[in-house]
Amino acid sequence: MSDTSVEIEAAAESAVMIDLVTGEIIDQQKMAKQLLAGAKAEGISLVGPDRLLDGLTKTILETALESEAHFCYANSVVA
């Protein structure tokens, strides 16, 4: 394994997601495996144009941008 892939793996392992409802730590690898298993069971291709990975990435980026825009707008409104 190259130094770069070791660094990426270490960074991924240190990233912690917390369920805002339960307060529990979310197992990101388990979540990814469940997503991939579901896609495979449905016969959905993961990579390539208009495939699961593209759609998921697009949705995540759009949601993040919308959240950021909403946050910035809310902070710029003077009460």
PDB file of N, CA and C in Angstrom:
ATOM      1  N   MET A   1       0.849  -1.173   0.000  1.00  0.00           N
ATOM      2  CA  MET A   1       0.000   0.000   0.000  1.00  0.00           C
ATOM      3  C   MET A   1       0.895   1.237   0.000  1.00  0.00           C
ATOM      4  N   SER A   2       0.549   2.231  -0.818  1.00  0.00           N
ATOM      5  CA  SER A   2       1.362   3.443  -0.907  1.00  0.00           C
ATOM      6  C   SER A   2       1.105   4.352   0.289  1.00  0.00           C
ATOM      7  N   ASP A   3       2.028   5.302   0.499  1.00  0.00           N
ATOM      8  CA  ASP A   3       1.867   6.258   1.594  1.00  0.00           C
ATOM      9  C   ASP A   3       0.568   7.036   1.461  1.00  0.00           C
ATOM     10  N   THR A   4       0.208   7.400   0.223  1.00  0.00           N
ATOM     11  CA  THR A   4      -1.011   8.172  -0.004  1.00  0.00           C
ATOM     12  C   THR A   4      -2.240   7.385   0.405  1.00  0.00           C
ATOM     13  N   SER A   5      -2.312   6.114   0.028  1.00  0.00           N
ATOM     14  CA  SER A   5      -3.487   5.322   0.382  1.00  0.00           C
ATOM     15  C   SER A   5      -3.550   5.067   1.880  1.00  0.00           C
ATOM     16  N   VAL A   6      -2.399   4.963   2.540  1.00  0.00           N
ATOM     17  CA  VAL A   6      -2.381   4.816   3.999  1.00  0.00           C
ATOM     18  C   VAL A   6      -2.924   6.084   4.648  1.00  0.00           C
ATOM     19  N   GLU A   7      -2.514   7.255   4.135  1.00  0.00           N
ATOM     20  CA  GLU A   7      -3.001   8.525   4.673  1.00  0.00           C
ATOM     21  C   GLU A   7      -4.504   8.671   4.464  1.00  0.00           C
ATOM     22  N   ILE A   8      -4.981   8.287   3.294  1.00  0.00           N
ATOM     23  CA  ILE A   8      -6.414   8.377   3.003  1.00  0.00           C
ATOM     24  C   ILE A   8      -7.192   7.447   3.923  1.00  0.00           C
ATOM     25  N   GLU A   9      -6.691   6.236   4.112  1.00  0.00           N
ATOM     26  CA  GLU A   9      -7.366   5.280   4.984  1.00  0.00           C
ATOM     27  C   GLU A   9      -7.398   5.785   6.421  1.00  0.00           C
ATOM     28  N   ALA A  10      -6.296   6.372   6.889  1.00  0.00           N
ATOM     29  CA  ALA A  10      -6.248   6.912   8.251  1.00  0.00           C
ATOM     30  C   ALA A  10      -7.229   8.064   8.410  1.00  0.00           C
ATOM     31  N   ALA A  11      -7.323   8.921   7.408  1.00  0.00           N
ATOM     32  CA  ALA A  11      -8.261  10.047   7.464  1.00  0.00           C
ATOM     33  C   ALA A  11      -9.694   9.549   7.487  1.00  0.00           C
ATOM     34  N   ALA A  12      -9.986   8.540   6.689  1.00  0.00           N
ATOM     35  CA  ALA A  12     -11.344   7.993   6.642  1.00  0.00           C
ATOM     36  C   ALA A  12     -11.714   7.349   7.970  1.00  0.00           C
ATOM     37  N   GLU A  13     -10.749   6.690   8.596  1.00  0.00           N
ATOM     38  CA  GLU A  13     -11.020   6.042   9.876  1.00  0.00           C
ATOM     39  C   GLU A  13     -11.222   7.052  10.998  1.00  0.00           C
ATOM     40  N   SER A  14     -10.598   8.219  10.897  1.00  0.00           N
ATOM     41  CA  SER A  14     -10.721   9.207  11.963  1.00  0.00           C
ATOM     42  C   SER A  14     -11.998  10.031  11.846  1.00  0.00           C
ATOM     43  N   ALA A  15     -12.629  10.024  10.673  1.00  0.00           N
ATOM     44  CA  ALA A  15     -13.863  10.778  10.481  1.00  0.00           C
ATOM     45  C   ALA A  15     -14.990  10.048  11.203  1.00  0.00           C
ATOM     46  N   VAL A  16     -15.660  10.766  12.079  1.00  0.00           N
ATOM     47  CA  VAL A  16     -16.731  10.169  12.864  1.00  0.00           C
ATOM     48  C   VAL A  16     -18.035  10.870  12.529  1.00  0.00           C
ATOM     49  N   MET A  17     -19.054  10.064  12.255  1.00  0.00           N
ATOM     50  CA  MET A  17     -20.393  10.608  12.032  1.00  0.00           C
ATOM     51  C   MET A  17     -21.253  10.222  13.224  1.00  0.00           C
ATOM     52  N   ILE A  18     -22.064  11.169  13.673  1.00  0.00           N
ATOM     53  CA  ILE A  18     -22.930  10.912  14.815  1.00  0.00           C
ATOM     54  C   ILE A  18     -24.379  11.079  14.392  1.00  0.00           C
ATOM     55  N   ASP A  19     -25.216  10.121  14.755  1.00  0.00           N
ATOM     56  CA  ASP A  19     -26.648  10.203  14.488  1.00  0.00           C
ATOM     57  C   ASP A  19     -27.216  11.300  15.382  1.00  0.00           C
ATOM     58  N   LEU A  20     -27.778  12.333  14.772  1.00  0.00           N
ATOM     59  CA  LEU A  20     -28.273  13.474  15.538  1.00  0.00           C
ATOM     60  C   LEU A  20     -29.506  13.136  16.367  1.00  0.00           C
ATOM     61  N   VAL A  21     -30.200  12.075  16.023  1.00  0.00           N
ATOM     62  CA  VAL A  21     -31.392  11.680  16.777  1.00  0.00           C
ATOM     63  C   VAL A  21     -31.009  10.830  17.979  1.00  0.00           C
ATOM     64  N   THR A  22     -30.185   9.807  17.756  1.00  0.00           N
ATOM     65  CA  THR A  22     -29.850   8.875  18.832  1.00  0.00           C
ATOM     66  C   THR A  22     -28.557   9.228  19.559  1.00  0.00           C
ATOM     67  N   GLY A  23     -27.691  10.018  18.909  1.00  0.00           N
ATOM     68  CA  GLY A  23     -26.399  10.351  19.495  1.00  0.00           C
ATOM     69  C   GLY A  23     -25.366   9.248  19.324  1.00  0.00           C
ATOM     70  N   GLU A  24     -25.737   8.184  18.631  1.00  0.00           N
ATOM     71  CA  GLU A  24     -24.821   7.067  18.432  1.00  0.00           C
ATOM     72  C   GLU A  24     -23.854   7.352  17.284  1.00  0.00           C
ATOM     73  N   ILE A  25     -22.667   6.755  17.377  1.00  0.00           N
ATOM     74  CA  ILE A  25     -21.690   6.861  16.294  1.00  0.00           C
ATOM     75  C   ILE A  25     -22.162   5.975  15.146  1.00  0.00           C
ATOM     76  N   ILE A  26     -22.139   6.517  13.936  1.00  0.00           N
ATOM     77  CA  ILE A  26     -22.571   5.787  12.751  1.00  0.00           C
ATOM     78  C   ILE A  26     -21.371   5.062  12.156  1.00  0.00           C
ATOM     79  N   ASP A  27     -21.541   3.782  11.921  1.00  0.00           N
ATOM     80  CA  ASP A  27     -20.496   2.977  11.289  1.00  0.00           C
ATOM     81  C   ASP A  27     -20.567   3.222   9.785  1.00  0.00           C
ATOM     82  N   GLN A  28     -19.670   4.065   9.280  1.00  0.00           N
ATOM     83  CA  GLN A  28     -19.704   4.455   7.874  1.00  0.00           C
ATOM     84  C   GLN A  28     -19.445   3.279   6.942  1.00  0.00           C
ATOM     85  N   GLN A  29     -18.560   2.385   7.342  1.00  0.00           N
ATOM     86  CA  GLN A  29     -18.274   1.230   6.486  1.00  0.00           C
ATOM     87  C   GLN A  29     -19.477   0.312   6.404  1.00  0.00           C
ATOM     88  N   LYS A  30     -20.151   0.123   7.520  1.00  0.00           N
ATOM     89  CA  LYS A  30     -21.351  -0.715   7.530  1.00  0.00           C
ATOM     90  C   LYS A  30     -22.430  -0.088   6.650  1.00  0.00           C
ATOM     91  N   MET A  31     -22.585   1.235   6.740  1.00  0.00           N
ATOM     92  CA  MET A  31     -23.575   1.931   5.927  1.00  0.00           C
ATOM     93  C   MET A  31     -23.248   1.778   4.441  1.00  0.00           C
ATOM     94  N   ALA A  32     -21.979   1.915   4.085  1.00  0.00           N
ATOM     95  CA  ALA A  32     -21.560   1.780   2.688  1.00  0.00           C
ATOM     96  C   ALA A  32     -21.814   0.361   2.185  1.00  0.00           C
ATOM     97  N   LYS A  33     -21.504  -0.630   3.011  1.00  0.00           N
ATOM     98  CA  LYS A  33     -21.735  -2.021   2.618  1.00  0.00           C
ATOM     99  C   LYS A  33     -23.219  -2.295   2.405  1.00  0.00           C
ATOM    100  N   GLN A  34     -24.075  -1.724   3.259  1.00  0.00           N
ATOM    101  CA  GLN A  34     -25.516  -1.901   3.103  1.00  0.00           C
ATOM    102  C   GLN A  34     -26.008  -1.249   1.812  1.00  0.00           C
ATOM    103  N   LEU A  35     -25.498  -0.068   1.514  1.00  0.00           N
ATOM    104  CA  LEU A  35     -25.874   0.628   0.285  1.00  0.00           C
ATOM    105  C   LEU A  35     -25.459  -0.187  -0.940  1.00  0.00           C
ATOM    106  N   LEU A  36     -24.237  -0.693  -0.922  1.00  0.00           N
ATOM    107  CA  LEU A  36     -23.745  -1.490  -2.047  1.00  0.00           C
ATOM    108  C   LEU A  36     -24.514  -2.801  -2.188  1.00  0.00           C
ATOM    109  N   ALA A  37     -24.829  -3.441  -1.066  1.00  0.00           N
ATOM    110  CA  ALA A  37     -25.590  -4.691  -1.122  1.00  0.00           C
ATOM    111  C   ALA A  37     -26.987  -4.447  -1.687  1.00  0.00           C
ATOM    112  N   GLY A  38     -27.614  -3.353  -1.274  1.00  0.00           N
ATOM    113  CA  GLY A  38     -28.934  -3.011  -1.797  1.00  0.00           C
ATOM    114  C   GLY A  38     -28.902  -2.737  -3.289  1.00  0.00           C
ATOM    115  N   ALA A  39     -27.884  -2.014  -3.730  1.00  0.00           N
ATOM    116  CA  ALA A  39     -27.743  -1.708  -5.157  1.00  0.00           C
ATOM    117  C   ALA A  39     -27.525  -2.993  -5.952  1.00  0.00           C
ATOM    118  N   LYS A  40     -26.682  -3.863  -5.425  1.00  0.00           N
ATOM    119  CA  LYS A  40     -26.404  -5.129  -6.112  1.00  0.00           C
ATOM    120  C   LYS A  40     -27.671  -5.978  -6.199  1.00  0.00           C
ATOM    121  N   ALA A  41     -28.435  -6.030  -5.114  1.00  0.00           N
ATOM    122  CA  ALA A  41     -29.672  -6.812  -5.094  1.00  0.00           C
ATOM    123  C   ALA A  41     -30.691  -6.281  -6.100  1.00  0.00           C
ATOM    124  N   GLU A  42     -30.682  -4.976  -6.323  1.00  0.00           N
ATOM    125  CA  GLU A  42     -31.604  -4.346  -7.269  1.00  0.00           C
ATOM    126  C   GLU A  42     -31.058  -4.338  -8.698  1.00  0.00           C
ATOM    127  N   GLY A  43     -29.829  -4.826  -8.869  1.00  0.00           N
ATOM    128  CA  GLY A  43     -29.223  -4.845 -10.197  1.00  0.00           C
ATOM    129  C   GLY A  43     -28.775  -3.475 -10.674  1.00  0.00           C
ATOM    130  N   ILE A  44     -28.501  -2.583  -9.729  1.00  0.00           N
ATOM    131  CA  ILE A  44     -28.086  -1.220 -10.067  1.00  0.00           C
ATOM    132  C   ILE A  44     -26.570  -1.177 -10.206  1.00  0.00           C
ATOM    133  N   SER A  45     -26.097  -0.628 -11.315  1.00  0.00           N
ATOM    134  CA  SER A  45     -24.666  -0.485 -11.553  1.00  0.00           C
ATOM    135  C   SER A  45     -24.126   0.651 -10.689  1.00  0.00           C
ATOM    136  N   LEU A  46     -22.931   0.470 -10.173  1.00  0.00           N
ATOM    137  CA  LEU A  46     -22.355   1.457  -9.259  1.00  0.00           C
ATOM    138  C   LEU A  46     -21.614   2.582  -9.957  1.00  0.00           C
ATOM    139  N   VAL A  47     -20.860   2.253 -10.998  1.00  0.00           N
ATOM    140  CA  VAL A  47     -20.028   3.262 -11.646  1.00  0.00           C
ATOM    141  C   VAL A  47     -20.399   3.425 -13.107  1.00  0.00           C
ATOM    142  N   GLY A  48     -20.061   4.588 -13.628  1.00  0.00           N
ATOM    143  CA  GLY A  48     -20.370   4.914 -15.011  1.00  0.00           C
ATOM    144  C   GLY A  48     -21.380   6.050 -15.051  1.00  0.00           C
ATOM    145  N   PRO A  49     -21.633   6.564 -16.238  1.00  0.00           N
ATOM    146  CA  PRO A  49     -22.573   7.678 -16.368  1.00  0.00           C
ATOM    147  C   PRO A  49     -23.967   7.289 -15.876  1.00  0.00           C
ATOM    148  N   ASP A  50     -24.578   8.172 -15.126  1.00  0.00           N
ATOM    149  CA  ASP A  50     -25.939   7.970 -14.613  1.00  0.00           C
ATOM    150  C   ASP A  50     -26.082   6.704 -13.771  1.00  0.00           C
ATOM    151  N   ARG A  51     -25.062   6.370 -13.028  1.00  0.00           N
ATOM    152  CA  ARG A  51     -25.112   5.200 -12.156  1.00  0.00           C
ATOM    153  C   ARG A  51     -25.232   5.658 -10.703  1.00  0.00           C
ATOM    154  N   LEU A  52     -25.300   4.696  -9.793  1.00  0.00           N
ATOM    155  CA  LEU A  52     -25.535   4.978  -8.381  1.00  0.00           C
ATOM    156  C   LEU A  52     -24.524   5.958  -7.800  1.00  0.00           C
ATOM    157  N   LEU A  53     -23.250   5.737  -8.040  1.00  0.00           N
ATOM    158  CA  LEU A  53     -22.220   6.589  -7.445  1.00  0.00           C
ATOM    159  C   LEU A  53     -22.331   8.025  -7.941  1.00  0.00           C
ATOM    160  N   ASP A  54     -22.590   8.199  -9.238  1.00  0.00           N
ATOM    161  CA  ASP A  54     -22.771   9.552  -9.788  1.00  0.00           C
ATOM    162  C   ASP A  54     -23.978  10.240  -9.162  1.00  0.00           C
ATOM    163  N   GLY A  55     -25.093   9.524  -9.102  1.00  0.00           N
ATOM    164  CA  GLY A  55     -26.315  10.102  -8.552  1.00  0.00           C
ATOM    165  C   GLY A  55     -26.176  10.442  -7.082  1.00  0.00           C
ATOM    166  N   LEU A  56     -25.546   9.560  -6.332  1.00  0.00           N
ATOM    167  CA  LEU A  56     -25.350   9.785  -4.902  1.00  0.00           C
ATOM    168  C   LEU A  56     -24.433  10.976  -4.661  1.00  0.00           C
ATOM    169  N   THR A  57     -23.346  11.054  -5.412  1.00  0.00           N
ATOM    170  CA  THR A  57     -22.417  12.180  -5.287  1.00  0.00           C
ATOM    171  C   THR A  57     -23.117  13.491  -5.623  1.00  0.00           C
ATOM    172  N   LYS A  58     -23.890  13.500  -6.692  1.00  0.00           N
ATOM    173  CA  LYS A  58     -24.623  14.698  -7.110  1.00  0.00           C
ATOM    174  C   LYS A  58     -25.605  15.135  -6.018  1.00  0.00           C
ATOM    175  N   THR A  59     -26.345  14.186  -5.471  1.00  0.00           N
ATOM    176  CA  THR A  59     -27.323  14.500  -4.434  1.00  0.00           C
ATOM    177  C   THR A  59     -26.651  15.050  -3.183  1.00  0.00           C
ATOM    178  N   ILE A  60     -25.544  14.453  -2.784  1.00  0.00           N
ATOM    179  CA  ILE A  60     -24.828  14.917  -1.592  1.00  0.00           C
ATOM    180  C   ILE A  60     -24.308  16.336  -1.799  1.00  0.00           C
ATOM    181  N   LEU A  61     -23.694  16.595  -2.948  1.00  0.00           N
ATOM    182  CA  LEU A  61     -23.157  17.933  -3.219  1.00  0.00           C
ATOM    183  C   LEU A  61     -24.265  18.983  -3.293  1.00  0.00           C
ATOM    184  N   GLU A  62     -25.364  18.658  -3.964  1.00  0.00           N
ATOM    185  CA  GLU A  62     -26.475  19.609  -4.061  1.00  0.00           C
ATOM    186  C   GLU A  62     -27.067  19.905  -2.691  1.00  0.00           C
ATOM    187  N   THR A  63     -27.237  18.873  -1.875  1.00  0.00           N
ATOM    188  CA  THR A  63     -27.792  19.052  -0.536  1.00  0.00           C
ATOM    189  C   THR A  63     -26.869  19.902   0.324  1.00  0.00           C
ATOM    190  N   ALA A  64     -25.570  19.648   0.237  1.00  0.00           N
ATOM    191  CA  ALA A  64     -24.603  20.438   1.003  1.00  0.00           C
ATOM    192  C   ALA A  64     -24.628  21.897   0.571  1.00  0.00           C
ATOM    193  N   LEU A  65     -24.688  22.146  -0.733  1.00  0.00           N
ATOM    194  CA  LEU A  65     -24.728  23.524  -1.233  1.00  0.00           C
ATOM    195  C   LEU A  65     -26.007  24.235  -0.807  1.00  0.00           C
ATOM    196  N   GLU A  66     -27.141  23.531  -0.875  1.00  0.00           N
ATOM    197  CA  GLU A  66     -28.404  24.126  -0.443  1.00  0.00           C
ATOM    198  C   GLU A  66     -28.371  24.458   1.044  1.00  0.00           C
ATOM    199  N   SER A  67     -27.818  23.552   1.844  1.00  0.00           N
ATOM    200  CA  SER A  67     -27.713  23.785   3.285  1.00  0.00           C
ATOM    201  C   SER A  67     -26.825  24.981   3.576  1.00  0.00           C
ATOM    202  N   GLU A  68     -25.705  25.063   2.867  1.00  0.00           N
ATOM    203  CA  GLU A  68     -24.773  26.179   3.051  1.00  0.00           C
ATOM    204  C   GLU A  68     -25.428  27.495   2.647  1.00  0.00           C
ATOM    205  N   ALA A  69     -26.139  27.496   1.523  1.00  0.00           N
ATOM    206  CA  ALA A  69     -26.810  28.713   1.057  1.00  0.00           C
ATOM    207  C   ALA A  69     -27.873  29.143   2.056  1.00  0.00           C
ATOM    208  N   HIS A  70     -28.626  28.182   2.586  1.00  0.00           N
ATOM    209  CA  HIS A  70     -29.666  28.497   3.570  1.00  0.00           C
ATOM    210  C   HIS A  70     -29.033  29.066   4.839  1.00  0.00           C
ATOM    211  N   PHE A  71     -27.940  28.453   5.283  1.00  0.00           N
ATOM    212  CA  PHE A  71     -27.242  28.906   6.485  1.00  0.00           C
ATOM    213  C   PHE A  71     -26.706  30.324   6.298  1.00  0.00           C
ATOM    214  N   CYS A  72     -26.088  30.584   5.156  1.00  0.00           N
ATOM    215  CA  CYS A  72     -25.537  31.919   4.879  1.00  0.00           C
ATOM    216  C   CYS A  72     -26.642  32.959   4.808  1.00  0.00           C
ATOM    217  N   TYR A  73     -27.769  32.612   4.169  1.00  0.00           N
ATOM    218  CA  TYR A  73     -28.890  33.546   4.054  1.00  0.00           C
ATOM    219  C   TYR A  73     -29.463  33.843   5.436  1.00  0.00           C
ATOM    220  N   ALA A  74     -29.644  32.811   6.246  1.00  0.00           N
ATOM    221  CA  ALA A  74     -30.218  32.988   7.580  1.00  0.00           C
ATOM    222  C   ALA A  74     -29.327  33.879   8.439  1.00  0.00           C
ATOM    223  N   ASN A  75     -28.020  33.760   8.288  1.00  0.00           N
ATOM    224  CA  ASN A  75     -27.100  34.575   9.077  1.00  0.00           C
ATOM    225  C   ASN A  75     -26.985  36.000   8.555  1.00  0.00           C
ATOM    226  N   SER A  76     -27.391  36.237   7.312  1.00  0.00           N
ATOM    227  CA  SER A  76     -27.274  37.586   6.757  1.00  0.00           C
ATOM    228  C   SER A  76     -28.527  38.426   6.985  1.00  0.00           C
ATOM    229  N   VAL A  77     -29.624  37.792   7.382  1.00  0.00           N
ATOM    230  CA  VAL A  77     -30.877  38.514   7.626  1.00  0.00           C
ATOM    231  C   VAL A  77     -30.786  39.195   8.986  1.00  0.00           C
ATOM    232  N   VAL A  78     -31.031  40.499   8.994  1.00  0.00           N
ATOM    233  CA  VAL A  78     -30.983  41.254  10.247  1.00  0.00           C
ATOM    234  C   VAL A  78     -32.367  41.233  10.872  1.00  0.00           C
ATOM    235  N   ALA A  79     -32.433  40.880  12.137  1.00  0.00           N
ATOM    236  CA  ALA A  79     -33.731  40.799  12.830  1.00  0.00           C
ATOM    237  C   ALA A  79     -34.203  42.156  13.263  1.00  0.00           C
TER     238      ALA A  79
END
